[in-house]
Amino acid sequence: MNTELRFLPHQSDSNSCICVNLSVCRQYMVTFPAVLEAGVQTKLCASLTYPNETLLMTVTLISEREKTTLFQRKSSIPFYQCSLFTPQAELKEEVQHVEVKVQGTFHSRVVKNVTIKTYDPMTFVQTDKPIYLPGQTGNSELMICDADGVHYIQTDFFFYKQ
């Protein structure tokens, strides 16, 4: 029986994720983004198909500071379940590890790297005209994008002569 564990990187236009698959009789898959945004809720999904015994699946996020269990389920029946978690990072960009363990009469453990990024808020200013001359007044809309969403601020402004 082939019990080789393989990670299959998957890229799509909408997002990227990493899949875990154990071939033949015991099959499972765990999907999560390859790049996570710090402080933002992220979805992890786990699937177990055709188990021939009771299996314990555990998914853990490991940093240099701590280990956080993201998902744990014991089952003898097939399942597909998603859970939400919020990754944390102390640096602007930090590599952490996701460990996937499946235990029954056999033991499977695989560790893969994930990147956790902290994004700075972005500010956009939209004006009512493309070009202003000195002394002209105008209206603008200030749009700030951060982890909490998009915030709009309506302002009036005046261009001063220099």
C-alpha atoms as a PDB file:
ATOM      1  CA  MET A   1       0.000   0.000   0.000  1.00  0.00           C
ATOM      2  CA  ASN A   2       1.308   3.464  -0.921  1.00  0.00           C
ATOM      3  CA  THR A   3       1.223   5.750   2.144  1.00  0.00           C
ATOM      4  CA  GLU A   4       3.455   8.486   0.796  1.00  0.00           C
ATOM      5  CA  LEU A   5       2.318  11.949   1.875  1.00  0.00           C
ATOM      6  CA  ARG A   6       2.560  14.637  -0.792  1.00  0.00           C
ATOM      7  CA  PHE A   7       2.008  18.383  -0.741  1.00  0.00           C
ATOM      8  CA  LEU A   8       0.477  19.652  -3.942  1.00  0.00           C
ATOM      9  CA  PRO A   9       0.899  23.397  -4.448  1.00  0.00           C
ATOM     10  CA  HIS A  10      -2.126  24.851  -6.190  1.00  0.00           C
ATOM     11  CA  GLN A  11      -2.281  28.297  -7.777  1.00  0.00           C
ATOM     12  CA  SER A  12      -5.444  29.953  -9.014  1.00  0.00           C
ATOM     13  CA  ASP A  13      -6.465  33.471  -9.964  1.00  0.00           C
ATOM     14  CA  SER A  14      -8.610  33.882  -6.849  1.00  0.00           C
ATOM     15  CA  ASN A  15      -6.105  32.660  -4.235  1.00  0.00           C
ATOM     16  CA  SER A  16      -3.338  30.213  -3.607  1.00  0.00           C
ATOM     17  CA  CYS A  17      -3.411  27.320  -1.197  1.00  0.00           C
ATOM     18  CA  ILE A  18      -1.499  24.248  -0.175  1.00  0.00           C
ATOM     19  CA  CYS A  19      -3.177  20.840  -0.255  1.00  0.00           C
ATOM     20  CA  VAL A  20      -2.228  17.701   1.641  1.00  0.00           C
ATOM     21  CA  ASN A  21      -3.194  14.276   0.292  1.00  0.00           C
ATOM     22  CA  LEU A  22      -2.576  10.746   1.530  1.00  0.00           C
ATOM     23  CA  SER A  23      -3.070   8.273  -1.313  1.00  0.00           C
ATOM     24  CA  VAL A  24      -4.917   4.944  -1.616  1.00  0.00           C
ATOM     25  CA  CYS A  25      -7.098   3.704   1.300  1.00  0.00           C
ATOM     26  CA  ARG A  26      -6.604   6.527   3.768  1.00  0.00           C
ATOM     27  CA  GLN A  27      -7.225   9.878   2.122  1.00  0.00           C
ATOM     28  CA  TYR A  28      -7.308  13.361   3.588  1.00  0.00           C
ATOM     29  CA  MET A  29      -6.773  16.907   2.472  1.00  0.00           C
ATOM     30  CA  VAL A  30      -6.089  20.152   4.306  1.00  0.00           C
ATOM     31  CA  THR A  31      -6.247  23.475   2.468  1.00  0.00           C
ATOM     32  CA  PHE A  32      -5.067  26.863   3.684  1.00  0.00           C
ATOM     33  CA  PRO A  33      -3.623  29.985   2.029  1.00  0.00           C
ATOM     34  CA  ALA A  34       0.119  29.927   1.338  1.00  0.00           C
ATOM     35  CA  VAL A  35       0.333  33.616   2.328  1.00  0.00           C
ATOM     36  CA  LEU A  36      -1.660  34.767   5.358  1.00  0.00           C
ATOM     37  CA  GLU A  37      -2.420  38.339   6.443  1.00  0.00           C
ATOM     38  CA  ALA A  38      -1.644  38.991  10.111  1.00  0.00           C
ATOM     39  CA  GLY A  39      -4.655  39.961  12.202  1.00  0.00           C
ATOM     40  CA  VAL A  40      -7.197  38.939   9.542  1.00  0.00           C
ATOM     41  CA  GLN A  41      -9.517  35.940   9.889  1.00  0.00           C
ATOM     42  CA  THR A  42      -8.413  33.114   7.591  1.00  0.00           C
ATOM     43  CA  LYS A  43     -10.193  29.894   6.597  1.00  0.00           C
ATOM     44  CA  LEU A  44      -8.668  26.433   6.864  1.00  0.00           C
ATOM     45  CA  CYS A  45     -10.567  23.420   5.491  1.00  0.00           C
ATOM     46  CA  ALA A  46      -9.970  19.744   6.241  1.00  0.00           C
ATOM     47  CA  SER A  47     -11.423  16.694   4.544  1.00  0.00           C
ATOM     48  CA  LEU A  48     -11.255  13.003   5.344  1.00  0.00           C
ATOM     49  CA  THR A  49     -12.579  10.453   2.843  1.00  0.00           C
ATOM     50  CA  TYR A  50     -13.098   6.717   3.239  1.00  0.00           C
ATOM     51  CA  PRO A  51     -11.401   6.097   6.598  1.00  0.00           C
ATOM     52  CA  ASN A  52     -11.132   2.411   7.480  1.00  0.00           C
ATOM     53  CA  GLU A  53     -10.487   3.191  11.158  1.00  0.00           C
ATOM     54  CA  THR A  54     -10.886   6.044  13.648  1.00  0.00           C
ATOM     55  CA  LEU A  55      -8.384   8.773  12.789  1.00  0.00           C
ATOM     56  CA  LEU A  56      -7.285  11.871  14.675  1.00  0.00           C
ATOM     57  CA  MET A  57      -6.438  14.841  12.430  1.00  0.00           C
ATOM     58  CA  THR A  58      -4.618  17.802  13.993  1.00  0.00           C
ATOM     59  CA  VAL A  59      -3.478  20.978  12.223  1.00  0.00           C
ATOM     60  CA  THR A  60      -1.107  23.250  14.152  1.00  0.00           C
ATOM     61  CA  LEU A  61       0.426  26.656  13.350  1.00  0.00           C
ATOM     62  CA  ILE A  62       3.964  26.803  14.740  1.00  0.00           C
ATOM     63  CA  SER A  63       6.014  29.968  15.241  1.00  0.00           C
ATOM     64  CA  GLU A  64       9.245  30.475  17.178  1.00  0.00           C
ATOM     65  CA  ARG A  65       7.147  31.763  20.101  1.00  0.00           C
ATOM     66  CA  GLU A  66       4.172  29.399  20.260  1.00  0.00           C
ATOM     67  CA  LYS A  67       2.168  26.478  18.877  1.00  0.00           C
ATOM     68  CA  THR A  68      -1.506  27.070  18.101  1.00  0.00           C
ATOM     69  CA  THR A  69      -3.881  24.205  17.310  1.00  0.00           C
ATOM     70  CA  LEU A  70      -6.024  25.398  14.402  1.00  0.00           C
ATOM     71  CA  PHE A  71      -8.083  22.254  13.854  1.00  0.00           C
ATOM     72  CA  GLN A  72      -8.535  18.912  15.594  1.00  0.00           C
ATOM     73  CA  ARG A  73     -11.077  16.198  14.886  1.00  0.00           C
ATOM     74  CA  LYS A  74     -11.361  12.496  15.607  1.00  0.00           C
ATOM     75  CA  SER A  75     -13.556  10.603  13.158  1.00  0.00           C
ATOM     76  CA  SER A  76     -14.270   7.193  11.707  1.00  0.00           C
ATOM     77  CA  ILE A  77     -16.623   8.639   9.070  1.00  0.00           C
ATOM     78  CA  PRO A  78     -15.889  10.930   6.110  1.00  0.00           C
ATOM     79  CA  PHE A  79     -16.064  14.669   6.785  1.00  0.00           C
ATOM     80  CA  TYR A  80     -15.402  18.066   5.257  1.00  0.00           C
ATOM     81  CA  GLN A  81     -15.079  20.883   7.770  1.00  0.00           C
ATOM     82  CA  CYS A  82     -13.744  24.433   7.703  1.00  0.00           C
ATOM     83  CA  SER A  83     -12.634  26.573  10.615  1.00  0.00           C
ATOM     84  CA  LEU A  84     -11.531  30.182  10.974  1.00  0.00           C
ATOM     85  CA  PHE A  85      -8.372  31.397  12.662  1.00  0.00           C
ATOM     86  CA  THR A  86      -6.506  34.699  12.963  1.00  0.00           C
ATOM     87  CA  PRO A  87      -2.734  34.453  12.433  1.00  0.00           C
ATOM     88  CA  GLN A  88      -0.446  36.813  14.353  1.00  0.00           C
ATOM     89  CA  ALA A  89       3.028  38.039  13.423  1.00  0.00           C
ATOM     90  CA  GLU A  90       5.533  40.245  15.221  1.00  0.00           C
ATOM     91  CA  LEU A  91       7.457  41.105  12.060  1.00  0.00           C
ATOM     92  CA  LYS A  92       6.278  42.724   8.818  1.00  0.00           C
ATOM     93  CA  GLU A  93       6.828  39.369   7.077  1.00  0.00           C
ATOM     94  CA  GLU A  94       7.318  36.161   9.010  1.00  0.00           C
ATOM     95  CA  VAL A  95       7.639  32.516   7.982  1.00  0.00           C
ATOM     96  CA  GLN A  96       5.787  30.098  10.232  1.00  0.00           C
ATOM     97  CA  HIS A  97       4.988  26.401   9.875  1.00  0.00           C
ATOM     98  CA  VAL A  98       1.752  24.466   9.479  1.00  0.00           C
ATOM     99  CA  GLU A  99       1.959  20.930  10.824  1.00  0.00           C
ATOM    100  CA  VAL A 100      -0.611  18.352   9.707  1.00  0.00           C
ATOM    101  CA  LYS A 101      -0.805  15.127  11.737  1.00  0.00           C
ATOM    102  CA  VAL A 102      -3.078  12.171  11.082  1.00  0.00           C
ATOM    103  CA  GLN A 103      -2.990   9.314  13.587  1.00  0.00           C
ATOM    104  CA  GLY A 104      -4.651   5.939  13.697  1.00  0.00           C
ATOM    105  CA  THR A 105      -2.850   2.589  13.503  1.00  0.00           C
ATOM    106  CA  PHE A 106      -0.364   4.620  11.436  1.00  0.00           C
ATOM    107  CA  HIS A 107       1.142   8.067  12.073  1.00  0.00           C
ATOM    108  CA  SER A 108       1.585  10.736   9.408  1.00  0.00           C
ATOM    109  CA  ARG A 109       3.219  14.114  10.079  1.00  0.00           C
ATOM    110  CA  VAL A 110       4.094  16.791   7.520  1.00  0.00           C
ATOM    111  CA  VAL A 111       5.259  20.355   8.105  1.00  0.00           C
ATOM    112  CA  LYS A 112       5.009  23.113   5.477  1.00  0.00           C
ATOM    113  CA  ASN A 113       6.006  26.788   5.568  1.00  0.00           C
ATOM    114  CA  VAL A 114       3.492  29.622   5.328  1.00  0.00           C
ATOM    115  CA  THR A 115       4.266  33.323   5.098  1.00  0.00           C
ATOM    116  CA  ILE A 116       2.427  35.711   7.389  1.00  0.00           C
ATOM    117  CA  LYS A 117       2.499  39.331   6.213  1.00  0.00           C
ATOM    118  CA  THR A 118       1.516  42.540   7.941  1.00  0.00           C
ATOM    119  CA  TYR A 119       0.168  45.072   5.452  1.00  0.00           C
ATOM    120  CA  ASP A 120       0.277  48.827   6.038  1.00  0.00           C
ATOM    121  CA  PRO A 121      -2.949  50.749   5.463  1.00  0.00           C
ATOM    122  CA  MET A 122      -3.199  52.417   2.033  1.00  0.00           C
ATOM    123  CA  THR A 123      -4.626  55.879   1.415  1.00  0.00           C
ATOM    124  CA  PHE A 124      -6.226  57.025  -1.857  1.00  0.00           C
ATOM    125  CA  VAL A 125      -7.436  60.543  -2.616  1.00  0.00           C
ATOM    126  CA  GLN A 126     -10.072  60.920  -5.330  1.00  0.00           C
ATOM    127  CA  THR A 127     -10.790  64.471  -6.533  1.00  0.00           C
ATOM    128  CA  ASP A 128     -13.622  65.928  -8.596  1.00  0.00           C
ATOM    129  CA  LYS A 129     -11.185  67.220 -11.316  1.00  0.00           C
ATOM    130  CA  PRO A 130      -7.970  65.740 -12.704  1.00  0.00           C
ATOM    131  CA  ILE A 131      -6.009  69.068 -12.537  1.00  0.00           C
ATOM    132  CA  TYR A 132      -6.364  72.101 -10.251  1.00  0.00           C
ATOM    133  CA  LEU A 133      -4.918  75.570 -10.839  1.00  0.00           C
ATOM    134  CA  PRO A 134      -3.559  77.653  -7.937  1.00  0.00           C
ATOM    135  CA  GLY A 135      -6.437  79.278  -6.069  1.00  0.00           C
ATOM    136  CA  GLN A 136      -9.097  76.794  -7.187  1.00  0.00           C
ATOM    137  CA  THR A 137     -11.211  74.951  -4.651  1.00  0.00           C
ATOM    138  CA  GLY A 138     -12.416  71.418  -4.994  1.00  0.00           C
ATOM    139  CA  ASN A 139     -13.970  68.408  -3.360  1.00  0.00           C
ATOM    140  CA  SER A 140     -12.225  65.164  -2.590  1.00  0.00           C
ATOM    141  CA  GLU A 141     -12.969  61.817  -1.114  1.00  0.00           C
ATOM    142  CA  LEU A 142     -10.294  60.237   1.033  1.00  0.00           C
ATOM    143  CA  MET A 143     -10.360  56.438   1.047  1.00  0.00           C
ATOM    144  CA  ILE A 144      -8.313  54.533   3.639  1.00  0.00           C
ATOM    145  CA  CYS A 145      -7.949  50.761   3.210  1.00  0.00           C
ATOM    146  CA  ASP A 146      -6.840  48.762   6.249  1.00  0.00           C
ATOM    147  CA  ALA A 147      -7.549  45.389   7.855  1.00  0.00           C
ATOM    148  CA  ASP A 148     -10.875  46.698   9.230  1.00  0.00           C
ATOM    149  CA  GLY A 149     -12.163  47.545   5.761  1.00  0.00           C
ATOM    150  CA  VAL A 150     -12.481  50.698   3.671  1.00  0.00           C
ATOM    151  CA  HIS A 151     -13.257  54.062   5.290  1.00  0.00           C
ATOM    152  CA  TYR A 152     -14.377  57.154   3.332  1.00  0.00           C
ATOM    153  CA  ILE A 153     -13.865  60.739   4.466  1.00  0.00           C
ATOM    154  CA  GLN A 154     -15.437  63.611   2.475  1.00  0.00           C
ATOM    155  CA  THR A 155     -13.315  66.796   2.505  1.00  0.00           C
ATOM    156  CA  ASP A 156     -13.205  70.235   0.901  1.00  0.00           C
ATOM    157  CA  PHE A 157      -9.842  71.719   0.024  1.00  0.00           C
ATOM    158  CA  PHE A 158      -8.247  74.852  -1.438  1.00  0.00           C
ATOM    159  CA  PHE A 159      -5.065  75.019  -3.545  1.00  0.00           C
ATOM    160  CA  TYR A 160      -2.864  77.894  -2.376  1.00  0.00           C
ATOM    161  CA  LYS A 161      -0.694  80.039  -4.645  1.00  0.00           C
ATOM    162  CA  GLN A 162       3.013  79.778  -3.947  1.00  0.00           C
END
